[in-house]
Amino acid sequence: MTVGIFSALGQSARGSVQGVVLDAQKRSVPGAKVWLDDQLAGRAESATTDGAGRYEFREIPASTYMLRAQKPGFAETTHGPFALKPAEAASINLQLTDAKSAVADKSAAQTMEYSDEPNFTVAGVSDPSNVGGHGSNVTLPTKEALARDTASLAGESSGPKTGAHPEEIGKVTPNVPAEDYGQNLRVGRALLQAGRAKEAAGYLQQAASLKPQDCDTGYLLALAYLRSGNSKAAEATVTSVLATQDRADLHALLGEVREAEGQPVDAVKEYQRAAEMDPSEAHLFAWGAELLLHRAYQPATEVFDKGHRLHPSSIRMLVGLGAAAYAQDLNDQAARWLLQASDLDPKDPRPYLFLGKVQEVAKSEPKEWVAVFERFATLRPDNAEANYYYAVALEKQRRGEEDYAARDAHLRKAIALDPKFGDAYLELGLLQAEKREYAKAVESLQTAVKLTPLPDEAHLRLAQVYREMGDTQKARQESELYNQAAEKKKAQLDKERRELGQFVFTMQGKPATAEPQPAKP
């Protein structure tokens, strides 16, 4: 989130950042462009190195920053994130690598498109307890969220349908004769489809006992066990059925069971087996999503790429490619995949929602993004997120008063459609502060605090508004609340990463890695 009139906290004691840009031979690089990105305020400024390769940023408020440097003929380099304290003078040298040397690093991602056989082997899983990696403290949570959301798209079962024709089932459990296989199967399937997995398991268990050799019944029973939280029973059932008939959908279901049991390496092997037996859209996507979830970004890209070539009309395959590219800091490519996905079916909200998350942390707003979100809001006027993301797109154009009315209208419409939309209240508060309507901004931001689980940014923006109003006491209080919320959010991210783990994999001809180095665009 950004807003023009806000500057970061700590305005009273500004510091500086300076240094030298060097090449691989430690020679100074004149004429290089250096950006200083304020990760908290969401703004950036740039400088160009002088004849001795020096750059300098003066009068910088205390905040968390990322440094980036680039020059034609060189690959972009980054440093950070790093914290700049009040009145601190930081000296940071940056080293650029010749673009030809960087080509080798990009080769894996570029050659995946032409590979039909897996070019990697998952060897194990590590505990990524140190939240780091590429990107900043702002973009990293977004990368993790995109991976999780992409993986959630694999929830569509690739096995026997839980109900080809939706059936109505009352709240009262039907009384079915124990000896009637068809009735037990029908009711069990209907209950499973209705989300009543625990009740479904009883009927499906009875049906399976009447026809123990029927694989579809066994599949549904295992799925009911899994959905009701009984992974051990699900494992025993699907393993037993697999011994009777080796089918791709059963391996995919076993992969889901293994993931639920905290055995991701075994899970990815089962997903791979399913996709090799039957390279359907569902099986390939589930395989790629499992790799993406555990931060094996290069292998995930390889799988999604094959899936896209075999199933070019699959929206979620393009979404997977976009999420994997964004996780590797290939932001332009990520946007292209997501924009392409939105063009496949302009009414499908999924690509817009993924692109919207990227947009929220992007430093600028390409014009094509604005047009895409305008299309989303036009096609889905009853969708709160469609209105919200279009308002954010307008804000990132930095056209000020020219877009005030439209931004306000779409944010208020988003809130009317979803009164608990905390991010919409946050964005409305930023707009009101930009218009210097500080009392209204305080009200909107306070609502955002109430509706957001860990409202770090809402507290940060409230501190900035109170500072503009001259209320230093409330500004200090909100700053402290911001620090507390930010620490809790970081701890939550740490916990999620530790629980998921990170795949250690080997790309063909390369050593095993737990965090592959992404190519820079």
Protein backbone atom coordinates (compact mmCIF):
# COMPACT_ATOMS: atom_id res chain seq x y z
CA MET A 1 0.00 0.00 0.00
CA THR A 2 1.21 3.50 -0.73
CA VAL A 3 -0.03 7.04 -0.38
CA GLY A 4 1.61 10.19 -1.71
CA ILE A 5 1.70 12.47 1.34
CA PHE A 6 3.01 9.88 3.77
CA SER A 7 6.65 9.57 4.61
CA ALA A 8 8.05 6.83 6.86
CA LEU A 9 8.28 7.03 10.60
CA GLY A 10 11.19 8.88 12.14
CA GLN A 11 11.02 12.08 10.08
CA SER A 12 12.68 14.16 12.75
CA ALA A 13 16.07 12.40 12.50
CA ARG A 14 16.89 11.54 8.92
CA GLY A 15 19.89 9.55 7.78
CA SER A 16 21.66 8.68 4.55
CA VAL A 17 22.66 5.73 2.40
CA GLN A 18 25.74 5.91 0.19
CA GLY A 19 28.23 3.60 -1.43
CA VAL A 20 29.97 2.50 -4.61
CA VAL A 21 28.78 0.21 -7.41
CA LEU A 22 31.51 -2.18 -8.56
CA ASP A 23 31.84 -4.88 -11.22
CA ALA A 24 33.15 -8.42 -10.68
CA GLN A 25 36.74 -7.15 -10.97
CA LYS A 26 36.10 -4.55 -8.24
CA ARG A 27 36.19 -1.68 -10.73
CA SER A 28 33.79 1.21 -10.26
CA VAL A 29 30.73 1.31 -12.53
CA PRO A 30 29.71 4.85 -13.55
CA GLY A 31 26.24 5.53 -14.95
CA ALA A 32 24.53 2.71 -13.04
CA LYS A 33 20.95 3.27 -11.86
CA VAL A 34 20.43 2.67 -8.13
CA TRP A 35 17.00 2.46 -6.49
CA LEU A 36 16.23 2.76 -2.78
CA ASP A 37 12.90 1.08 -2.04
CA ASP A 38 11.16 2.00 1.22
CA GLN A 39 9.50 -1.27 2.23
CA LEU A 40 7.19 0.29 4.82
CA ALA A 41 6.00 3.37 2.97
CA GLY A 42 5.91 1.54 -0.37
CA ARG A 43 7.82 4.21 -2.31
CA ALA A 44 11.14 4.36 -4.11
CA GLU A 45 13.70 6.93 -5.24
CA SER A 46 16.62 6.56 -7.60
CA ALA A 47 20.11 7.90 -8.20
CA THR A 48 22.77 7.46 -10.89
CA THR A 49 26.39 6.66 -10.02
CA ASP A 50 29.00 9.30 -10.84
CA GLY A 51 32.29 8.79 -12.66
CA ALA A 52 33.75 7.00 -9.63
CA GLY A 53 30.73 4.69 -9.30
CA ARG A 54 29.42 6.52 -6.22
CA TYR A 55 25.77 6.98 -5.30
CA GLU A 56 24.11 8.72 -2.35
CA PHE A 57 20.66 9.17 -0.88
CA ARG A 58 20.34 11.99 1.65
CA GLU A 59 17.66 12.97 4.16
CA ILE A 60 16.29 9.42 4.39
CA PRO A 61 13.75 8.66 7.14
CA ALA A 62 14.26 5.68 9.39
CA SER A 63 12.62 2.64 7.79
CA THR A 64 13.35 -0.73 6.18
CA TYR A 65 14.88 -0.56 2.72
CA MET A 66 15.96 -2.58 -0.29
CA LEU A 67 18.74 -1.40 -2.60
CA ARG A 68 18.75 -2.32 -6.29
CA ALA A 69 21.33 -1.50 -8.95
CA GLN A 70 21.23 -2.07 -12.69
CA LYS A 71 23.03 -1.02 -15.86
CA PRO A 72 22.76 -2.27 -19.45
CA GLY A 73 25.13 -5.18 -19.94
CA PHE A 74 24.86 -6.23 -16.30
CA ALA A 75 22.39 -8.33 -14.33
CA GLU A 76 20.41 -6.49 -11.65
CA THR A 77 21.72 -6.88 -8.11
CA THR A 78 19.93 -6.31 -4.81
CA HIS A 79 20.85 -5.76 -1.18
CA GLY A 80 18.53 -6.06 1.79
CA PRO A 81 16.16 -5.73 3.33
CA PHE A 82 18.04 -3.66 5.91
CA ALA A 83 16.90 -1.30 8.66
CA LEU A 84 18.08 2.29 8.68
CA LYS A 85 18.00 3.83 12.15
CA PRO A 86 17.29 7.53 12.84
CA ALA A 87 20.24 9.74 11.82
CA GLU A 88 22.24 6.68 10.67
CA ALA A 89 24.73 7.06 7.80
CA ALA A 90 24.84 3.65 6.08
CA SER A 91 27.61 2.74 3.64
CA ILE A 92 26.71 -0.11 1.29
CA ASN A 93 28.67 -1.19 -1.79
CA LEU A 94 26.93 -3.11 -4.56
CA GLN A 95 28.48 -5.49 -7.09
CA LEU A 96 27.11 -6.01 -10.59
CA THR A 97 27.67 -9.22 -12.53
CA ASP A 98 28.23 -9.24 -16.28
CA ALA A 99 24.99 -10.19 -18.04
CA LYS A 100 26.73 -12.99 -19.96
CA SER A 101 27.58 -14.70 -16.68
CA ALA A 102 23.98 -14.43 -15.58
CA VAL A 103 22.70 -16.22 -18.68
CA ALA A 104 23.82 -19.58 -17.27
CA ASP A 105 21.70 -19.00 -14.18
CA LYS A 106 18.65 -18.45 -16.38
CA SER A 107 19.22 -21.51 -18.53
CA ALA A 108 17.32 -23.92 -16.29
CA ALA A 109 14.12 -21.89 -16.37
CA GLN A 110 14.43 -21.21 -20.10
CA THR A 111 15.10 -24.82 -21.16
CA MET A 112 12.30 -26.32 -19.06
CA GLU A 113 9.84 -25.56 -21.81
CA TYR A 114 11.38 -28.18 -24.06
CA SER A 115 11.70 -30.98 -21.49
CA ASP A 116 9.11 -33.73 -21.33
CA GLU A 117 10.92 -35.79 -18.70
CA PRO A 118 11.48 -34.53 -15.13
CA ASN A 119 14.77 -32.67 -14.92
CA PHE A 120 14.91 -32.87 -11.12
CA THR A 121 14.83 -35.25 -8.18
CA VAL A 122 13.36 -34.39 -4.78
CA ALA A 123 15.82 -35.75 -2.24
CA GLY A 124 14.40 -34.57 1.05
CA VAL A 125 13.01 -31.65 3.00
CA SER A 126 14.74 -29.00 5.08
CA ASP A 127 13.58 -26.74 7.91
CA PRO A 128 13.67 -23.16 6.58
CA SER A 129 13.69 -21.56 10.02
CA ASN A 130 15.41 -18.42 8.77
CA VAL A 131 12.89 -16.33 6.90
CA GLY A 132 15.00 -14.89 4.15
CA GLY A 133 15.38 -15.67 0.53
CA HIS A 134 14.98 -13.35 -2.39
CA GLY A 135 12.79 -10.30 -2.18
CA SER A 136 11.94 -8.11 0.74
CA ASN A 137 10.14 -8.34 4.02
CA VAL A 138 7.09 -7.01 2.17
CA THR A 139 7.17 -9.32 -0.86
CA LEU A 140 8.17 -12.53 0.93
CA PRO A 141 4.80 -13.03 2.70
CA THR A 142 3.09 -12.39 -0.64
CA LYS A 143 5.20 -15.08 -2.30
CA GLU A 144 4.29 -17.52 0.46
CA ALA A 145 0.59 -16.60 0.21
CA LEU A 146 0.56 -17.02 -3.58
CA ALA A 147 2.13 -20.47 -3.23
CA ARG A 148 -0.45 -21.53 -0.64
CA ASP A 149 -3.34 -20.15 -2.67
CA THR A 150 -2.07 -21.87 -5.81
CA ALA A 151 -1.81 -25.17 -3.96
CA SER A 152 -5.39 -24.74 -2.76
CA LEU A 153 -6.55 -24.77 -6.39
CA ALA A 154 -5.53 -28.44 -6.51
CA GLY A 155 -8.44 -29.26 -4.19
CA GLU A 156 -10.58 -30.42 -7.09
CA SER A 157 -10.55 -34.21 -6.93
CA SER A 158 -9.08 -36.03 -9.90
CA GLY A 159 -10.75 -39.32 -8.96
CA PRO A 160 -14.37 -40.45 -9.08
CA LYS A 161 -16.70 -37.52 -8.68
CA THR A 162 -18.34 -37.14 -5.29
CA GLY A 163 -21.56 -36.52 -7.15
CA ALA A 164 -21.87 -36.12 -10.91
CA HIS A 165 -25.40 -34.85 -10.33
CA PRO A 166 -25.72 -32.81 -7.14
CA GLU A 167 -28.24 -34.36 -4.80
CA GLU A 168 -30.21 -32.64 -2.09
CA ILE A 169 -29.82 -34.30 1.29
CA GLY A 170 -31.63 -33.21 4.41
CA LYS A 171 -30.14 -32.50 7.80
CA VAL A 172 -31.51 -35.80 9.11
CA THR A 173 -29.34 -38.80 8.21
CA PRO A 174 -31.30 -41.15 5.90
CA ASN A 175 -32.20 -44.62 7.11
CA VAL A 176 -30.72 -46.99 4.52
CA PRO A 177 -30.93 -50.81 4.58
CA ALA A 178 -27.53 -52.22 5.47
CA GLU A 179 -27.67 -54.77 2.64
CA ASP A 180 -28.45 -52.18 -0.08
CA TYR A 181 -25.11 -51.39 -1.78
CA GLY A 182 -26.53 -48.81 -4.20
CA GLN A 183 -28.38 -46.82 -1.55
CA ASN A 184 -25.39 -46.76 0.81
CA LEU A 185 -23.13 -45.62 -2.02
CA ARG A 186 -25.58 -42.92 -3.17
CA VAL A 187 -26.15 -41.49 0.31
CA GLY A 188 -22.47 -41.67 1.20
CA ARG A 189 -21.52 -39.83 -1.99
CA ALA A 190 -24.20 -37.17 -1.40
CA LEU A 191 -23.06 -36.61 2.20
CA LEU A 192 -19.44 -36.33 1.07
CA GLN A 193 -20.44 -33.78 -1.54
CA ALA A 194 -22.37 -31.85 1.12
CA GLY A 195 -19.26 -31.61 3.28
CA ARG A 196 -20.49 -34.14 5.85
CA ALA A 197 -17.48 -36.45 5.44
CA LYS A 198 -17.68 -38.13 8.84
CA GLU A 199 -21.28 -39.21 8.25
CA ALA A 200 -20.45 -40.20 4.66
CA ALA A 201 -17.73 -42.56 5.84
CA GLY A 202 -20.27 -44.78 7.64
CA TYR A 203 -22.38 -45.35 4.51
CA LEU A 204 -19.36 -45.74 2.24
CA GLN A 205 -17.78 -48.19 4.68
CA GLN A 206 -20.95 -50.29 4.49
CA ALA A 207 -20.97 -50.06 0.68
CA ALA A 208 -17.29 -51.09 0.54
CA SER A 209 -17.97 -54.09 2.76
CA LEU A 210 -20.64 -55.25 0.29
CA LYS A 211 -18.35 -54.80 -2.75
CA PRO A 212 -14.76 -54.84 -1.44
CA GLN A 213 -13.29 -55.14 -4.94
CA ASP A 214 -14.95 -51.95 -6.27
CA CYS A 215 -12.15 -49.38 -6.63
CA ASP A 216 -14.41 -46.35 -7.00
CA THR A 217 -16.17 -47.15 -3.73
CA GLY A 218 -12.80 -47.63 -2.02
CA TYR A 219 -11.61 -44.29 -3.41
CA LEU A 220 -14.64 -42.45 -2.05
CA LEU A 221 -14.28 -44.14 1.35
CA ALA A 222 -10.61 -43.14 1.58
CA LEU A 223 -11.55 -39.60 0.57
CA ALA A 224 -14.26 -39.48 3.25
CA TYR A 225 -11.77 -40.63 5.88
CA LEU A 226 -9.29 -37.99 4.76
CA ARG A 227 -11.87 -35.18 4.72
CA SER A 228 -13.00 -36.12 8.22
CA GLY A 229 -9.45 -35.94 9.55
CA ASN A 230 -8.75 -39.67 9.81
CA SER A 231 -5.62 -39.84 7.66
CA LYS A 232 -4.54 -43.22 9.03
CA ALA A 233 -7.79 -44.88 7.93
CA ALA A 234 -7.53 -43.07 4.59
CA GLU A 235 -3.99 -44.39 4.12
CA ALA A 236 -4.96 -47.96 4.94
CA THR A 237 -7.96 -47.82 2.60
CA VAL A 238 -6.23 -46.30 -0.42
CA THR A 239 -3.20 -48.59 0.01
CA SER A 240 -5.51 -51.61 0.08
CA VAL A 241 -7.31 -50.46 -3.07
CA LEU A 242 -3.98 -49.81 -4.83
CA ALA A 243 -2.98 -53.40 -4.18
CA THR A 244 -6.03 -54.43 -6.20
CA GLN A 245 -5.71 -51.90 -9.03
CA ASP A 246 -2.83 -49.53 -9.76
CA ARG A 247 -4.55 -46.30 -10.83
CA ALA A 248 -3.35 -42.72 -11.23
CA ASP A 249 -6.20 -41.19 -9.21
CA LEU A 250 -5.41 -43.50 -6.29
CA HIS A 251 -1.76 -42.37 -6.31
CA ALA A 252 -2.92 -38.74 -6.37
CA LEU A 253 -5.20 -39.39 -3.39
CA LEU A 254 -2.35 -41.14 -1.56
CA GLY A 255 -0.25 -38.04 -2.24
CA GLU A 256 -2.91 -35.95 -0.53
CA VAL A 257 -2.91 -38.37 2.40
CA ARG A 258 0.89 -38.26 2.72
CA GLU A 259 0.82 -34.45 2.76
CA ALA A 260 -1.82 -34.50 5.49
CA GLU A 261 0.39 -36.87 7.51
CA GLY A 262 3.36 -34.51 7.24
CA GLN A 263 5.29 -36.64 4.72
CA PRO A 264 5.76 -34.19 1.82
CA VAL A 265 8.58 -36.11 0.09
CA ASP A 266 6.41 -39.22 -0.15
CA ALA A 267 3.49 -37.01 -1.20
CA VAL A 268 5.33 -35.45 -4.13
CA LYS A 269 6.45 -38.91 -5.31
CA GLU A 270 2.83 -40.07 -5.37
CA TYR A 271 1.72 -36.95 -7.26
CA GLN A 272 4.55 -37.54 -9.74
CA ARG A 273 3.53 -41.18 -10.17
CA ALA A 274 -0.06 -40.13 -10.85
CA ALA A 275 1.01 -37.55 -13.46
CA GLU A 276 3.34 -40.02 -15.18
CA MET A 277 0.56 -42.63 -15.39
CA ASP A 278 -2.01 -40.09 -16.56
CA PRO A 279 -0.73 -36.60 -17.52
CA SER A 280 -4.16 -35.06 -17.05
CA GLU A 281 -4.55 -31.41 -16.15
CA ALA A 282 -5.56 -32.32 -12.59
CA HIS A 283 -2.64 -34.64 -11.94
CA LEU A 284 0.00 -32.34 -13.44
CA PHE A 285 -1.34 -29.38 -11.53
CA ALA A 286 -1.42 -31.27 -8.22
CA TRP A 287 2.21 -32.30 -8.75
CA GLY A 288 3.34 -28.77 -9.56
CA ALA A 289 1.32 -27.31 -6.69
CA GLU A 290 2.97 -29.66 -4.18
CA LEU A 291 6.42 -28.58 -5.40
CA LEU A 292 5.43 -24.92 -5.25
CA LEU A 293 4.00 -25.27 -1.74
CA HIS A 294 7.38 -26.51 -0.48
CA ARG A 295 9.33 -23.81 -2.34
CA ALA A 296 10.83 -26.02 -5.05
CA TYR A 297 10.25 -23.23 -7.54
CA GLN A 298 12.32 -24.44 -10.48
CA PRO A 299 10.83 -27.96 -10.50
CA ALA A 300 7.35 -26.48 -10.07
CA THR A 301 7.94 -24.27 -13.09
CA GLU A 302 9.00 -27.31 -15.12
CA VAL A 303 5.85 -29.21 -14.23
CA PHE A 304 3.49 -26.26 -14.76
CA ASP A 305 5.18 -25.55 -18.09
CA LYS A 306 4.57 -29.10 -19.30
CA GLY A 307 1.01 -28.85 -18.01
CA HIS A 308 0.48 -25.62 -19.92
CA ARG A 309 1.75 -27.14 -23.16
CA LEU A 310 -0.47 -30.20 -22.78
CA HIS A 311 -3.47 -28.24 -21.49
CA PRO A 312 -3.19 -24.71 -22.96
CA SER A 313 -6.73 -23.77 -21.89
CA SER A 314 -6.04 -24.43 -18.19
CA ILE A 315 -6.30 -21.21 -16.23
CA ARG A 316 -4.84 -22.66 -13.05
CA MET A 317 -1.76 -23.94 -14.91
CA LEU A 318 -1.01 -20.36 -15.99
CA VAL A 319 -1.68 -19.20 -12.44
CA GLY A 320 0.84 -21.78 -11.23
CA LEU A 321 3.43 -20.52 -13.71
CA GLY A 322 2.78 -16.96 -12.55
CA ALA A 323 3.13 -17.82 -8.86
CA ALA A 324 6.35 -19.78 -9.48
CA ALA A 325 7.82 -16.95 -11.53
CA TYR A 326 6.93 -14.35 -8.90
CA ALA A 327 8.52 -16.51 -6.19
CA GLN A 328 11.76 -16.40 -8.20
CA ASP A 329 11.61 -12.58 -8.60
CA LEU A 330 10.71 -12.92 -12.28
CA ASN A 331 8.02 -10.30 -11.79
CA ASP A 332 7.47 -9.27 -15.41
CA GLN A 333 7.11 -12.90 -16.48
CA ALA A 334 4.76 -13.57 -13.57
CA ALA A 335 2.52 -10.71 -14.65
CA ARG A 336 2.49 -11.96 -18.25
CA TRP A 337 1.37 -15.44 -17.20
CA LEU A 338 -1.39 -14.03 -14.99
CA LEU A 339 -2.56 -11.58 -17.64
CA GLN A 340 -2.67 -14.42 -20.15
CA ALA A 341 -4.72 -16.45 -17.69
CA SER A 342 -7.21 -13.60 -17.30
CA ASP A 343 -7.64 -13.49 -21.09
CA LEU A 344 -8.57 -17.19 -21.30
CA ASP A 345 -11.84 -16.51 -19.50
CA PRO A 346 -12.26 -12.85 -18.56
CA LYS A 347 -15.11 -13.69 -16.17
CA ASP A 348 -13.05 -16.15 -14.10
CA PRO A 349 -11.96 -14.26 -10.95
CA ARG A 350 -8.94 -16.45 -10.10
CA PRO A 351 -6.25 -14.81 -12.27
CA TYR A 352 -7.31 -11.32 -11.19
CA LEU A 353 -7.13 -12.25 -7.51
CA PHE A 354 -3.59 -13.58 -7.90
CA LEU A 355 -2.51 -10.56 -9.94
CA GLY A 356 -4.13 -8.35 -7.33
CA LYS A 357 -1.88 -9.73 -4.60
CA VAL A 358 1.18 -9.03 -6.74
CA GLN A 359 -0.17 -5.55 -7.44
CA GLU A 360 -0.47 -4.71 -3.74
CA VAL A 361 3.31 -4.94 -3.22
CA ALA A 362 4.37 -3.73 -6.68
CA LYS A 363 6.29 -0.47 -6.84
CA SER A 364 4.50 0.72 -10.00
CA GLU A 365 1.37 0.00 -11.98
CA PRO A 366 1.71 -0.81 -15.71
CA LYS A 367 -1.17 0.63 -17.71
CA GLU A 368 -2.22 -2.82 -18.90
CA TRP A 369 -2.82 -3.86 -15.28
CA VAL A 370 -5.20 -0.95 -14.75
CA ALA A 371 -7.15 -1.96 -17.85
CA VAL A 372 -7.33 -5.59 -16.69
CA PHE A 373 -8.67 -4.64 -13.25
CA GLU A 374 -11.14 -2.24 -14.83
CA ARG A 375 -12.37 -5.16 -16.95
CA PHE A 376 -12.66 -7.31 -13.81
CA ALA A 377 -14.72 -4.66 -12.02
CA THR A 378 -16.91 -4.18 -15.10
CA LEU A 379 -17.54 -7.89 -15.63
CA ARG A 380 -18.00 -8.64 -11.92
CA PRO A 381 -19.55 -5.49 -10.41
CA ASP A 382 -20.99 -7.58 -7.57
CA ASN A 383 -17.54 -8.85 -6.55
CA ALA A 384 -16.03 -6.92 -3.62
CA GLU A 385 -12.45 -7.84 -4.53
CA ALA A 386 -12.95 -6.76 -8.14
CA ASN A 387 -13.89 -3.26 -6.97
CA TYR A 388 -11.10 -3.19 -4.40
CA TYR A 389 -8.32 -4.22 -6.78
CA TYR A 390 -9.46 -1.73 -9.40
CA ALA A 391 -9.28 1.03 -6.76
CA VAL A 392 -5.76 -0.09 -5.82
CA ALA A 393 -4.78 -0.06 -9.50
CA LEU A 394 -6.03 3.51 -9.83
CA GLU A 395 -4.12 4.54 -6.69
CA LYS A 396 -0.88 3.13 -8.04
CA GLN A 397 -1.18 5.27 -11.16
CA ARG A 398 -0.23 8.26 -8.96
CA ARG A 399 -2.65 10.57 -10.75
CA GLY A 400 -3.94 12.08 -7.51
CA GLU A 401 -7.15 14.07 -7.67
CA GLU A 402 -7.92 12.80 -11.16
CA ASP A 403 -8.78 9.38 -9.68
CA TYR A 404 -10.14 10.38 -6.26
CA ALA A 405 -13.83 9.99 -7.16
CA ALA A 406 -13.43 6.63 -8.89
CA ARG A 407 -11.24 5.22 -6.12
CA ASP A 408 -13.70 6.34 -3.46
CA ALA A 409 -16.69 4.91 -5.34
CA HIS A 410 -15.14 1.47 -5.91
CA LEU A 411 -13.84 1.19 -2.35
CA ARG A 412 -17.22 2.07 -0.89
CA LYS A 413 -18.86 -0.43 -3.23
CA ALA A 414 -16.40 -3.12 -2.08
CA ILE A 415 -17.26 -2.34 1.55
CA ALA A 416 -20.98 -2.39 0.83
CA LEU A 417 -20.61 -5.82 -0.77
CA ASP A 418 -18.40 -7.07 2.08
CA PRO A 419 -18.73 -4.99 5.28
CA LYS A 420 -15.87 -6.95 6.90
CA PHE A 421 -13.37 -6.20 4.13
CA GLY A 422 -10.52 -4.85 6.26
CA ASP A 423 -8.15 -4.13 3.36
CA ALA A 424 -10.82 -2.01 1.66
CA TYR A 425 -11.14 0.12 4.82
CA LEU A 426 -7.36 0.42 4.90
CA GLU A 427 -7.23 1.61 1.30
CA LEU A 428 -10.11 4.03 1.94
CA GLY A 429 -8.20 5.44 4.92
CA LEU A 430 -5.15 6.00 2.70
CA LEU A 431 -7.29 7.82 0.16
CA GLN A 432 -8.85 10.02 2.84
CA ALA A 433 -5.42 10.84 4.26
CA GLU A 434 -4.19 11.71 0.79
CA LYS A 435 -7.12 14.15 0.55
CA ARG A 436 -6.15 15.45 4.02
CA GLU A 437 -9.47 14.30 5.46
CA TYR A 438 -7.67 13.14 8.58
CA ALA A 439 -10.67 12.57 10.88
CA LYS A 440 -12.30 10.32 8.28
CA ALA A 441 -8.99 8.56 7.70
CA VAL A 442 -8.66 7.77 11.40
CA GLU A 443 -12.15 6.27 11.45
CA SER A 444 -11.50 4.09 8.39
CA LEU A 445 -8.09 2.93 9.63
CA GLN A 446 -9.45 2.10 13.07
CA THR A 447 -12.09 -0.05 11.37
CA ALA A 448 -9.33 -1.74 9.38
CA VAL A 449 -7.54 -2.53 12.65
CA LYS A 450 -10.67 -4.21 14.02
CA LEU A 451 -11.29 -6.28 10.88
CA THR A 452 -7.73 -7.42 10.14
CA PRO A 453 -6.16 -10.31 12.11
CA LEU A 454 -2.66 -8.79 12.29
CA PRO A 455 -3.19 -5.16 11.28
CA ASP A 456 0.45 -4.03 11.12
CA GLU A 457 -0.01 -1.68 8.17
CA ALA A 458 -3.21 -0.18 9.57
CA HIS A 459 -1.35 0.76 12.77
CA LEU A 460 1.53 2.16 10.71
CA ARG A 461 -0.79 4.37 8.67
CA LEU A 462 -2.65 5.50 11.78
CA ALA A 463 0.67 6.57 13.29
CA GLN A 464 1.40 8.59 10.16
CA VAL A 465 -2.04 10.24 10.19
CA TYR A 466 -1.75 11.16 13.88
CA ARG A 467 1.68 12.62 13.18
CA GLU A 468 0.18 14.76 10.39
CA MET A 469 -2.51 15.87 12.88
CA GLY A 470 0.14 16.78 15.46
CA ASP A 471 -0.94 14.14 17.99
CA THR A 472 2.49 12.71 18.82
CA GLN A 473 1.29 10.63 21.76
CA LYS A 474 -1.20 8.64 19.67
CA ALA A 475 1.39 8.40 16.89
CA ARG A 476 3.84 6.76 19.31
CA GLN A 477 1.16 4.37 20.56
CA GLU A 478 0.26 3.29 17.04
CA SER A 479 3.94 2.89 16.16
CA GLU A 480 4.38 0.51 19.08
CA LEU A 481 1.27 -1.42 18.06
CA TYR A 482 2.68 -1.62 14.55
CA ASN A 483 5.93 -3.11 15.86
CA GLN A 484 4.02 -5.68 17.92
CA ALA A 485 1.79 -6.71 15.00
CA ALA A 486 4.75 -6.90 12.62
CA GLU A 487 6.63 -9.19 15.02
CA LYS A 488 3.59 -11.45 15.40
CA LYS A 489 3.16 -11.62 11.63
CA LYS A 490 6.83 -12.54 11.18
CA ALA A 491 6.54 -15.21 13.89
CA GLN A 492 3.47 -16.64 12.16
CA LEU A 493 5.32 -16.78 8.85
CA ASP A 494 8.29 -18.46 10.55
CA LYS A 495 5.95 -21.07 12.03
CA GLU A 496 4.23 -21.78 8.71
CA ARG A 497 7.55 -22.19 6.93
CA ARG A 498 8.89 -24.55 9.59
CA GLU A 499 5.74 -26.67 9.48
CA LEU A 500 5.79 -26.96 5.70
CA GLY A 501 9.52 -27.44 5.30
CA GLN A 502 11.33 -26.86 2.04
CA PHE A 503 12.16 -29.48 -0.57
CA VAL A 504 15.82 -30.31 -1.13
CA PHE A 505 16.03 -31.17 -4.81
CA THR A 506 18.62 -31.81 -7.49
CA MET A 507 18.26 -30.31 -10.94
CA GLN A 508 19.98 -32.39 -13.61
CA GLY A 509 23.66 -31.54 -13.64
CA LYS A 510 23.41 -29.34 -10.53
CA PRO A 511 23.98 -29.99 -6.83
CA ALA A 512 21.13 -30.52 -4.40
CA THR A 513 19.59 -27.32 -3.06
CA ALA A 514 16.89 -26.32 -0.64
CA GLU A 515 16.47 -22.85 -2.08
CA PRO A 516 17.33 -22.59 -5.78
CA GLN A 517 18.82 -19.31 -6.94
CA PRO A 518 16.27 -17.71 -9.27
CA ALA A 519 17.24 -16.08 -12.51
CA LYS A 520 16.95 -12.32 -12.59
CA PRO A 521 14.81 -10.84 -15.36
